[in-house]
Protein backbone atom coordinates (compact mmCIF):
# COMPACT_ATOMS: atom_id res chain seq x y z
CA UNK A 1 -0.25 43.06 86.80
CA UNK A 2 -2.91 42.04 84.26
CA UNK A 3 -3.72 45.48 83.42
CA UNK A 4 0.21 46.36 83.04
CA UNK A 5 0.57 43.45 80.33
CA UNK A 6 -2.75 44.65 78.78
CA UNK A 7 -1.80 47.90 78.17
CA UNK A 8 2.08 47.17 77.15
CA UNK A 9 0.38 44.65 74.57
CA UNK A 10 -1.90 47.22 73.35
CA UNK A 11 0.81 49.77 72.93
CA UNK A 12 3.18 47.19 71.09
CA UNK A 13 0.83 46.52 68.55
CA UNK A 14 -0.17 49.75 67.89
CA UNK A 15 3.66 51.02 67.33
CA UNK A 16 4.67 47.50 65.77
CA UNK A 17 2.13 47.50 62.99
CA UNK A 18 4.00 50.05 60.89
CA UNK A 19 7.69 50.12 59.35
CA UNK A 20 10.54 51.27 61.51
CA UNK A 21 12.69 54.26 60.52
CA UNK A 22 13.80 57.37 61.99
CA UNK A 23 13.30 60.82 60.11
CA UNK A 24 11.15 63.53 58.84
CA UNK A 25 7.25 63.43 60.11
CA UNK A 26 5.01 62.38 57.16
CA UNK A 27 2.96 65.14 56.12
CA UNK A 28 -0.33 63.02 57.06
CA UNK A 29 1.04 62.52 60.44
CA UNK A 30 1.98 66.02 61.13
CA UNK A 31 -1.30 67.22 59.93
CA UNK A 32 -2.98 64.69 62.42
CA UNK A 33 -0.95 66.19 65.09
CA UNK A 34 -2.23 69.60 64.07
CA UNK A 35 -5.92 68.65 63.97
CA UNK A 36 -5.70 67.00 67.23
CA UNK A 37 -3.96 70.06 68.97
CA UNK A 38 -1.03 68.19 70.11
CA UNK A 39 2.70 69.34 70.22
CA UNK A 40 5.61 67.26 69.34
CA UNK A 41 8.40 67.72 71.82
CA UNK A 42 11.13 70.14 70.67
CA UNK A 43 13.95 68.42 68.84
CA UNK A 44 12.07 64.94 68.74
CA UNK A 45 12.73 62.69 65.91
CA UNK A 46 9.93 60.73 64.38
CA UNK A 47 10.60 56.97 64.19
CA UNK A 48 7.27 55.26 63.19
CA UNK A 49 3.59 55.19 63.36
CA UNK A 50 0.18 56.88 62.61
CA UNK A 51 -1.53 58.94 65.28
CA UNK A 52 -4.49 57.12 65.52
CA UNK A 53 -2.73 53.85 66.64
CA UNK A 54 0.55 55.51 68.15
CA UNK A 55 3.31 57.57 67.02
CA UNK A 56 6.80 57.00 68.27
CA UNK A 57 9.58 59.60 68.70
CA UNK A 58 12.96 59.31 70.22
CA UNK A 59 15.19 62.29 71.70
CA UNK A 60 18.19 62.28 73.52
CA UNK A 61 16.87 64.08 76.53
CA UNK A 62 15.91 62.56 79.82
CA UNK A 63 12.34 60.88 80.41
CA UNK A 64 12.18 63.47 83.50
CA UNK A 65 12.86 66.25 81.24
CA UNK A 66 10.44 65.31 78.60
CA UNK A 67 7.51 64.31 80.98
CA UNK A 68 7.81 67.94 82.59
CA UNK A 69 7.67 69.61 79.42
CA UNK A 70 4.29 67.95 78.34
CA UNK A 71 2.86 68.31 81.85
CA UNK A 72 3.65 72.31 81.34
CA UNK A 73 2.04 72.03 77.81
CA UNK A 74 -1.19 70.26 78.86
CA UNK A 75 -1.50 71.35 82.61
CA UNK A 76 -5.36 69.89 82.43
CA UNK A 77 -4.13 66.32 81.60
CA UNK A 78 -3.75 63.35 84.15
CA UNK A 79 -0.92 61.19 84.93
CA UNK A 80 -1.14 57.45 85.25
CA UNK A 81 1.64 55.75 86.82
CA UNK A 82 0.07 52.84 88.43
CA UNK A 83 1.52 49.93 85.86
CA UNK A 84 5.05 50.77 85.74
CA UNK A 85 4.57 53.03 82.50
CA UNK A 86 4.12 56.77 82.97
CA UNK A 87 1.00 57.69 80.86
CA UNK A 88 -0.06 61.26 80.27
CA UNK A 89 -3.56 61.46 79.11
CA UNK A 90 -6.41 63.93 78.30
CA UNK A 91 -9.20 62.72 81.07
CA UNK A 92 -9.69 62.39 84.61
CA UNK A 93 -7.41 61.25 87.16
CA UNK A 94 -6.92 57.30 87.96
CA UNK A 95 -8.60 55.91 84.95
CA UNK A 96 -7.55 52.49 83.48
CA UNK A 97 -5.87 51.63 80.45
CA UNK A 98 -9.43 50.86 78.46
CA UNK A 99 -10.19 54.54 78.99
CA UNK A 100 -6.76 56.08 78.37
CA UNK A 101 -6.59 54.30 75.09
CA UNK A 102 -9.70 56.20 73.88
CA UNK A 103 -8.56 59.77 74.65
CA UNK A 104 -5.48 61.79 73.45
CA UNK A 105 -2.55 60.00 75.58
CA UNK A 106 1.40 59.76 75.33
CA UNK A 107 3.85 57.64 77.35
CA UNK A 108 7.59 58.63 77.91
CA UNK A 109 9.98 56.03 78.81
CA UNK A 110 13.72 54.70 78.75
CA UNK A 111 14.24 52.58 76.02
CA UNK A 112 17.85 51.08 75.38
CA UNK A 113 17.05 49.48 71.96
CA UNK A 114 15.58 52.52 70.60
CA UNK A 115 18.54 53.70 68.72
CA UNK A 116 18.88 50.53 67.14
CA UNK A 117 15.47 49.90 65.85
CA UNK A 118 15.54 53.15 64.14
CA UNK A 119 19.06 53.95 63.04
CA UNK A 120 19.39 56.80 65.62
CA UNK A 121 22.26 58.28 67.55
CA UNK A 122 23.31 56.15 70.57
CA UNK A 123 22.26 58.44 73.07
CA UNK A 124 18.53 58.84 71.59
CA UNK A 125 16.90 56.43 74.27
CA UNK A 126 14.10 58.30 75.50
CA UNK A 127 10.56 57.22 73.81
CA UNK A 128 7.76 59.35 73.30
CA UNK A 129 4.94 57.48 71.99
CA UNK A 130 1.60 59.45 71.42
CA UNK A 131 -1.78 58.50 70.25
CA UNK A 132 -5.14 60.37 69.38
CA UNK A 133 -7.85 57.66 68.65
C-alpha cells in the first residue's frame, strides 16, 4: 500500500507541475522523445508535461490496446503491475518505484476525468504518461 501511494504521489507531482492543455507536441518535448528513443503512441494527443518529469498523452483506444502496442515496440522492457498501476519500464523485472522512476518508463490507465482536464473529446479516456529522467 505504501509503495502504491508513493508512486501515485510522485507521478501526480510530475504531471501536475505543468499547465494543462491538449494539442500539438512542443518542439522541445518532441526533441526529448527523439533523443530518448521513445515512441509516441499513434494518434495520441499531447496534454501536458516535460519528458524529464512526465508527459501525459490521451487516446480513445483502450488501455489494453495501448499496452500491447508498447510491449511490441519495446519487447526488452518489463511490466510492473503490483501496485494497481500498470507500469512499463526499461529495466529488469520486479523492480520497485524508486528504480522505475529513474529509468525510461510509462504507465497506461483509464482516467475518466482526462477529457475535462485537457479539453478533449469525451472518449479520450486512456492516459499514457511517459518519462525519461
